[in-house]
């Protein structure tokens, strides 16, 4: 049975691979312009600043705040 560290590492690697794939798709013009959490459009300014963004500013801020309190 895998220990918690192995499971966490595998999850981190999978998430990282998904983020890289999404970033590549967005750069190549194949990604979505909608937030993966709420479905709202990702603003042009955010897209220009971070082409690989998969969340709108509001959802990303909420996600980061949740991580701070864990």
PDB file of N, CA and C in Angstrom:
ATOM      1  N   UNK A   1       0.836  -1.180   0.000  1.00  0.00           N
ATOM      2  CA  UNK A   1       0.000   0.000   0.000  1.00  0.00           C
ATOM      3  C   UNK A   1       0.884   1.249   0.000  1.00  0.00           C
ATOM      4  N   UNK A   2       0.555   2.197  -0.860  1.00  0.00           N
ATOM      5  CA  UNK A   2       1.339   3.428  -0.971  1.00  0.00           C
ATOM      6  C   UNK A   2       1.112   4.299   0.257  1.00  0.00           C
ATOM      7  N   UNK A   3       2.187   4.964   0.685  1.00  0.00           N
ATOM      8  CA  UNK A   3       2.009   5.865   1.823  1.00  0.00           C
ATOM      9  C   UNK A   3       1.491   7.218   1.335  1.00  0.00           C
ATOM     10  N   UNK A   4       1.122   8.073   2.272  1.00  0.00           N
ATOM     11  CA  UNK A   4       0.516   9.372   1.935  1.00  0.00           C
ATOM     12  C   UNK A   4       1.427  10.232   1.077  1.00  0.00           C
ATOM     13  N   UNK A   5       2.737  10.166   1.309  1.00  0.00           N
ATOM     14  CA  UNK A   5       3.673  10.973   0.521  1.00  0.00           C
ATOM     15  C   UNK A   5       3.665  10.555  -0.946  1.00  0.00           C
ATOM     16  N   UNK A   6       3.610   9.239  -1.191  1.00  0.00           N
ATOM     17  CA  UNK A   6       3.573   8.745  -2.568  1.00  0.00           C
ATOM     18  C   UNK A   6       2.294   9.181  -3.272  1.00  0.00           C
ATOM     19  N   UNK A   7       1.184   9.111  -2.565  1.00  0.00           N
ATOM     20  CA  UNK A   7      -0.103   9.507  -3.134  1.00  0.00           C
ATOM     21  C   UNK A   7      -0.096  11.003  -3.435  1.00  0.00           C
ATOM     22  N   UNK A   8       0.396  11.805  -2.493  1.00  0.00           N
ATOM     23  CA  UNK A   8       0.451  13.257  -2.692  1.00  0.00           C
ATOM     24  C   UNK A   8       1.366  13.604  -3.858  1.00  0.00           C
ATOM     25  N   UNK A   9       2.496  12.925  -3.958  1.00  0.00           N
ATOM     26  CA  UNK A   9       3.426  13.192  -5.057  1.00  0.00           C
ATOM     27  C   UNK A   9       2.797  12.829  -6.400  1.00  0.00           C
ATOM     28  N   UNK A  10       2.119  11.715  -6.472  1.00  0.00           N
ATOM     29  CA  UNK A  10       1.463  11.311  -7.716  1.00  0.00           C
ATOM     30  C   UNK A  10       0.391  12.315  -8.105  1.00  0.00           C
ATOM     31  N   UNK A  11      -0.364  12.786  -7.131  1.00  0.00           N
ATOM     32  CA  UNK A  11      -1.389  13.788  -7.406  1.00  0.00           C
ATOM     33  C   UNK A  11      -0.763  15.085  -7.896  1.00  0.00           C
ATOM     34  N   UNK A  12       0.302  15.532  -7.239  1.00  0.00           N
ATOM     35  CA  UNK A  12       1.004  16.745  -7.670  1.00  0.00           C
ATOM     36  C   UNK A  12       1.505  16.609  -9.099  1.00  0.00           C
ATOM     37  N   UNK A  13       2.067  15.463  -9.436  1.00  0.00           N
ATOM     38  CA  UNK A  13       2.583  15.242 -10.788  1.00  0.00           C
ATOM     39  C   UNK A  13       1.455  15.266 -11.810  1.00  0.00           C
ATOM     40  N   UNK A  14       0.327  14.652 -11.474  1.00  0.00           N
ATOM     41  CA  UNK A  14      -0.818  14.645 -12.397  1.00  0.00           C
ATOM     42  C   UNK A  14      -1.353  16.053 -12.607  1.00  0.00           C
ATOM     43  N   UNK A  15      -1.487  16.793 -11.526  1.00  0.00           N
ATOM     44  CA  UNK A  15      -1.980  18.171 -11.629  1.00  0.00           C
ATOM     45  C   UNK A  15      -1.015  19.013 -12.458  1.00  0.00           C
ATOM     46  N   UNK A  16       0.261  18.863 -12.207  1.00  0.00           N
ATOM     47  CA  UNK A  16       1.275  19.606 -12.967  1.00  0.00           C
ATOM     48  C   UNK A  16       1.181  19.273 -14.462  1.00  0.00           C
ATOM     49  N   UNK A  17       1.019  18.004 -14.790  1.00  0.00           N
ATOM     50  CA  UNK A  17       0.910  17.597 -16.192  1.00  0.00           C
ATOM     51  C   UNK A  17      -0.339  18.188 -16.836  1.00  0.00           C
ATOM     52  N   UNK A  18      -1.452  18.206 -16.090  1.00  0.00           N
ATOM     53  CA  UNK A  18      -2.690  18.791 -16.614  1.00  0.00           C
ATOM     54  C   UNK A  18      -2.531  20.299 -16.838  1.00  0.00           C
ATOM     55  N   UNK A  19      -1.845  20.962 -15.921  1.00  0.00           N
ATOM     56  CA  UNK A  19      -1.630  22.404 -16.062  1.00  0.00           C
ATOM     57  C   UNK A  19      -0.752  22.716 -17.269  1.00  0.00           C
ATOM     58  N   UNK A  20       0.272  21.906 -17.476  1.00  0.00           N
ATOM     59  CA  UNK A  20       1.155  22.101 -18.632  1.00  0.00           C
ATOM     60  C   UNK A  20       0.381  21.876 -19.926  1.00  0.00           C
ATOM     61  N   UNK A  21      -0.425  20.841 -19.970  1.00  0.00           N
ATOM     62  CA  UNK A  21      -1.226  20.562 -21.166  1.00  0.00           C
ATOM     63  C   UNK A  21      -2.203  21.704 -21.443  1.00  0.00           C
ATOM     64  N   UNK A  22      -2.844  22.212 -20.390  1.00  0.00           N
ATOM     65  CA  UNK A  22      -3.785  23.327 -20.562  1.00  0.00           C
ATOM     66  C   UNK A  22      -3.070  24.580 -21.035  1.00  0.00           C
ATOM     67  N   UNK A  23      -1.899  24.836 -20.492  1.00  0.00           N
ATOM     68  CA  UNK A  23      -1.124  26.012 -20.899  1.00  0.00           C
ATOM     69  C   UNK A  23      -0.710  25.910 -22.362  1.00  0.00           C
ATOM     70  N   UNK A  24      -0.252  24.746 -22.764  1.00  0.00           N
ATOM     71  CA  UNK A  24       0.135  24.555 -24.165  1.00  0.00           C
ATOM     72  C   UNK A  24      -1.059  24.749 -25.093  1.00  0.00           C
ATOM     73  N   UNK A  25      -2.190  24.202 -24.714  1.00  0.00           N
ATOM     74  CA  UNK A  25      -3.388  24.339 -25.535  1.00  0.00           C
ATOM     75  C   UNK A  25      -3.789  25.806 -25.647  1.00  0.00           C
ATOM     76  N   UNK A  26      -3.718  26.527 -24.538  1.00  0.00           N
ATOM     77  CA  UNK A  26      -4.090  27.940 -24.563  1.00  0.00           C
ATOM     78  C   UNK A  26      -3.130  28.744 -25.434  1.00  0.00           C
ATOM     79  N   UNK A  27      -1.850  28.498 -25.303  1.00  0.00           N
ATOM     80  CA  UNK A  27      -0.853  29.208 -26.103  1.00  0.00           C
ATOM     81  C   UNK A  27      -1.061  28.926 -27.585  1.00  0.00           C
ATOM     82  N   UNK A  28      -1.424  27.700 -27.905  1.00  0.00           N
ATOM     83  CA  UNK A  28      -1.648  27.309 -29.294  1.00  0.00           C
ATOM     84  C   UNK A  28      -3.045  27.692 -29.781  1.00  0.00           C
ATOM     85  N   UNK A  29      -3.806  28.362 -28.932  1.00  0.00           N
ATOM     86  CA  UNK A  29      -5.131  28.822 -29.331  1.00  0.00           C
ATOM     87  C   UNK A  29      -6.210  27.764 -29.237  1.00  0.00           C
ATOM     88  N   UNK A  30      -5.927  26.668 -28.535  1.00  0.00           N
ATOM     89  CA  UNK A  30      -6.890  25.579 -28.442  1.00  0.00           C
ATOM     90  C   UNK A  30      -7.582  25.531 -27.084  1.00  0.00           C
ATOM     91  N   UNK A  31      -7.154  26.354 -26.157  1.00  0.00           N
ATOM     92  CA  UNK A  31      -7.712  26.315 -24.815  1.00  0.00           C
ATOM     93  C   UNK A  31      -9.031  27.056 -24.739  1.00  0.00           C
ATOM     94  N   UNK A  32      -9.602  27.024 -23.582  1.00  0.00           N
ATOM     95  CA  UNK A  32     -10.864  27.702 -23.356  1.00  0.00           C
ATOM     96  C   UNK A  32     -10.626  29.089 -22.788  1.00  0.00           C
ATOM     97  N   UNK A  33     -11.540  29.985 -23.032  1.00  0.00           N
ATOM     98  CA  UNK A  33     -11.456  31.318 -22.467  1.00  0.00           C
ATOM     99  C   UNK A  33     -12.344  31.453 -21.245  1.00  0.00           C
ATOM    100  N   UNK A  34     -12.909  30.335 -20.793  1.00  0.00           N
ATOM    101  CA  UNK A  34     -13.809  30.348 -19.652  1.00  0.00           C
ATOM    102  C   UNK A  34     -13.160  29.725 -18.431  1.00  0.00           C
ATOM    103  N   UNK A  35     -13.501  30.245 -17.272  1.00  0.00           N
ATOM    104  CA  UNK A  35     -12.985  29.770 -15.991  1.00  0.00           C
ATOM    105  C   UNK A  35     -13.404  28.321 -15.760  1.00  0.00           C
ATOM    106  N   UNK A  36     -12.466  27.502 -15.342  1.00  0.00           N
ATOM    107  CA  UNK A  36     -12.787  26.090 -15.104  1.00  0.00           C
ATOM    108  C   UNK A  36     -13.635  25.894 -13.855  1.00  0.00           C
ATOM    109  N   UNK A  37     -13.676  26.889 -12.967  1.00  0.00           N
ATOM    110  CA  UNK A  37     -14.475  26.756 -11.750  1.00  0.00           C
ATOM    111  C   UNK A  37     -15.898  27.286 -11.928  1.00  0.00           C
ATOM    112  N   UNK A  38     -16.030  28.516 -12.421  1.00  0.00           N
ATOM    113  CA  UNK A  38     -17.364  29.141 -12.466  1.00  0.00           C
ATOM    114  C   UNK A  38     -17.932  29.262 -13.877  1.00  0.00           C
ATOM    115  N   UNK A  39     -17.091  29.082 -14.901  1.00  0.00           N
ATOM    116  CA  UNK A  39     -17.560  29.160 -16.276  1.00  0.00           C
ATOM    117  C   UNK A  39     -17.608  30.562 -16.851  1.00  0.00           C
ATOM    118  N   UNK A  40     -17.279  31.573 -16.040  1.00  0.00           N
ATOM    119  CA  UNK A  40     -17.270  32.953 -16.522  1.00  0.00           C
ATOM    120  C   UNK A  40     -16.063  33.165 -17.439  1.00  0.00           C
ATOM    121  N   UNK A  41     -16.164  34.126 -18.347  1.00  0.00           N
ATOM    122  CA  UNK A  41     -15.024  34.402 -19.217  1.00  0.00           C
ATOM    123  C   UNK A  41     -13.809  34.856 -18.411  1.00  0.00           C
ATOM    124  N   UNK A  42     -12.633  34.401 -18.826  1.00  0.00           N
ATOM    125  CA  UNK A  42     -11.381  34.872 -18.234  1.00  0.00           C
ATOM    126  C   UNK A  42     -11.058  36.172 -18.953  1.00  0.00           C
ATOM    127  N   UNK A  43     -10.885  37.231 -18.197  1.00  0.00           N
ATOM    128  CA  UNK A  43     -10.683  38.554 -18.770  1.00  0.00           C
ATOM    129  C   UNK A  43      -9.463  38.649 -19.671  1.00  0.00           C
ATOM    130  N   UNK A  44      -9.541  39.552 -20.634  1.00  0.00           N
ATOM    131  CA  UNK A  44      -8.461  39.732 -21.605  1.00  0.00           C
ATOM    132  C   UNK A  44      -7.164  40.144 -20.916  1.00  0.00           C
ATOM    133  N   UNK A  45      -7.255  40.992 -19.895  1.00  0.00           N
ATOM    134  CA  UNK A  45      -6.045  41.436 -19.195  1.00  0.00           C
ATOM    135  C   UNK A  45      -5.373  40.251 -18.494  1.00  0.00           C
ATOM    136  N   UNK A  46      -6.180  39.403 -17.866  1.00  0.00           N
ATOM    137  CA  UNK A  46      -5.605  38.222 -17.199  1.00  0.00           C
ATOM    138  C   UNK A  46      -5.021  37.268 -18.234  1.00  0.00           C
ATOM    139  N   UNK A  47      -5.721  37.079 -19.324  1.00  0.00           N
ATOM    140  CA  UNK A  47      -5.232  36.186 -20.380  1.00  0.00           C
ATOM    141  C   UNK A  47      -3.910  36.705 -20.953  1.00  0.00           C
ATOM    142  N   UNK A  48      -3.810  38.044 -21.113  1.00  0.00           N
ATOM    143  CA  UNK A  48      -2.573  38.620 -21.647  1.00  0.00           C
ATOM    144  C   UNK A  48      -1.421  38.470 -20.651  1.00  0.00           C
ATOM    145  N   UNK A  49      -1.731  38.641 -19.360  1.00  0.00           N
ATOM    146  CA  UNK A  49      -0.697  38.550 -18.333  1.00  0.00           C
ATOM    147  C   UNK A  49      -0.290  37.106 -18.059  1.00  0.00           C
ATOM    148  N   UNK A  50      -1.251  36.204 -18.150  1.00  0.00           N
ATOM    149  CA  UNK A  50      -1.000  34.795 -17.838  1.00  0.00           C
ATOM    150  C   UNK A  50      -1.770  33.927 -18.833  1.00  0.00           C
ATOM    151  N   UNK A  51      -1.199  33.696 -20.013  1.00  0.00           N
ATOM    152  CA  UNK A  51      -1.917  32.958 -21.055  1.00  0.00           C
ATOM    153  C   UNK A  51      -2.400  31.573 -20.622  1.00  0.00           C
ATOM    154  N   UNK A  52      -1.731  30.985 -19.656  1.00  0.00           N
ATOM    155  CA  UNK A  52      -2.113  29.643 -19.217  1.00  0.00           C
ATOM    156  C   UNK A  52      -3.191  29.639 -18.139  1.00  0.00           C
ATOM    157  N   UNK A  53      -3.688  30.809 -17.756  1.00  0.00           N
ATOM    158  CA  UNK A  53      -4.697  30.883 -16.695  1.00  0.00           C
ATOM    159  C   UNK A  53      -5.914  30.042 -17.062  1.00  0.00           C
ATOM    160  N   UNK A  54      -6.361  29.267 -16.090  1.00  0.00           N
ATOM    161  CA  UNK A  54      -7.549  28.440 -16.321  1.00  0.00           C
ATOM    162  C   UNK A  54      -8.706  28.876 -15.422  1.00  0.00           C
ATOM    163  N   UNK A  55      -8.455  29.894 -14.606  1.00  0.00           N
ATOM    164  CA  UNK A  55      -9.485  30.429 -13.710  1.00  0.00           C
ATOM    165  C   UNK A  55      -9.541  31.939 -13.832  1.00  0.00           C
ATOM    166  N   UNK A  56     -10.724  32.491 -13.603  1.00  0.00           N
ATOM    167  CA  UNK A  56     -10.863  33.941 -13.559  1.00  0.00           C
ATOM    168  C   UNK A  56     -10.177  34.454 -12.295  1.00  0.00           C
ATOM    169  N   UNK A  57      -9.969  35.745 -12.214  1.00  0.00           N
ATOM    170  CA  UNK A  57      -9.274  36.337 -11.072  1.00  0.00           C
ATOM    171  C   UNK A  57      -9.990  35.993  -9.761  1.00  0.00           C
ATOM    172  N   UNK A  58     -11.311  36.150  -9.733  1.00  0.00           N
ATOM    173  CA  UNK A  58     -12.061  35.897  -8.494  1.00  0.00           C
ATOM    174  C   UNK A  58     -11.892  34.453  -8.015  1.00  0.00           C
ATOM    175  N   UNK A  59     -12.034  33.499  -8.906  1.00  0.00           N
ATOM    176  CA  UNK A  59     -11.911  32.096  -8.506  1.00  0.00           C
ATOM    177  C   UNK A  59     -10.480  31.766  -8.089  1.00  0.00           C
ATOM    178  N   UNK A  60      -9.501  32.319  -8.774  1.00  0.00           N
ATOM    179  CA  UNK A  60      -8.110  32.066  -8.399  1.00  0.00           C
ATOM    180  C   UNK A  60      -7.812  32.638  -7.025  1.00  0.00           C
ATOM    181  N   UNK A  61      -8.320  33.834  -6.744  1.00  0.00           N
ATOM    182  CA  UNK A  61      -8.107  34.435  -5.424  1.00  0.00           C
ATOM    183  C   UNK A  61      -8.770  33.594  -4.334  1.00  0.00           C
ATOM    184  N   UNK A  62      -9.983  33.111  -4.579  1.00  0.00           N
ATOM    185  CA  UNK A  62     -10.662  32.255  -3.598  1.00  0.00           C
ATOM    186  C   UNK A  62      -9.846  30.995  -3.342  1.00  0.00           C
ATOM    187  N   UNK A  63      -9.333  30.405  -4.409  1.00  0.00           N
ATOM    188  CA  UNK A  63      -8.534  29.179  -4.292  1.00  0.00           C
ATOM    189  C   UNK A  63      -7.280  29.430  -3.466  1.00  0.00           C
ATOM    190  N   UNK A  64      -6.618  30.546  -3.716  1.00  0.00           N
ATOM    191  CA  UNK A  64      -5.396  30.861  -2.977  1.00  0.00           C
ATOM    192  C   UNK A  64      -5.697  31.152  -1.507  1.00  0.00           C
ATOM    193  N   UNK A  65      -6.808  31.814  -1.221  1.00  0.00           N
ATOM    194  CA  UNK A  65      -7.177  32.083   0.177  1.00  0.00           C
ATOM    195  C   UNK A  65      -7.454  30.779   0.919  1.00  0.00           C
ATOM    196  N   UNK A  66      -8.117  29.833   0.265  1.00  0.00           N
ATOM    197  CA  UNK A  66      -8.393  28.542   0.904  1.00  0.00           C
ATOM    198  C   UNK A  66      -7.090  27.820   1.262  1.00  0.00           C
ATOM    199  N   UNK A  67      -6.095  27.891   0.375  1.00  0.00           N
ATOM    200  CA  UNK A  67      -4.820  27.234   0.631  1.00  0.00           C
ATOM    201  C   UNK A  67      -4.106  27.870   1.816  1.00  0.00           C
ATOM    202  N   UNK A  68      -4.238  29.174   1.987  1.00  0.00           N
ATOM    203  CA  UNK A  68      -3.571  29.870   3.083  1.00  0.00           C
ATOM    204  C   UNK A  68      -4.072  29.404   4.435  1.00  0.00           C
ATOM    205  N   UNK A  69      -5.323  29.008   4.502  1.00  0.00           N
ATOM    206  CA  UNK A  69      -5.926  28.656   5.784  1.00  0.00           C
ATOM    207  C   UNK A  69      -5.925  27.155   6.056  1.00  0.00           C
ATOM    208  N   UNK A  70      -5.250  26.400   5.279  1.00  0.00           N
ATOM    209  CA  UNK A  70      -5.174  24.951   5.510  1.00  0.00           C
ATOM    210  C   UNK A  70      -4.030  24.630   6.422  1.00  0.00           C
TER     211      UNK A  70
END
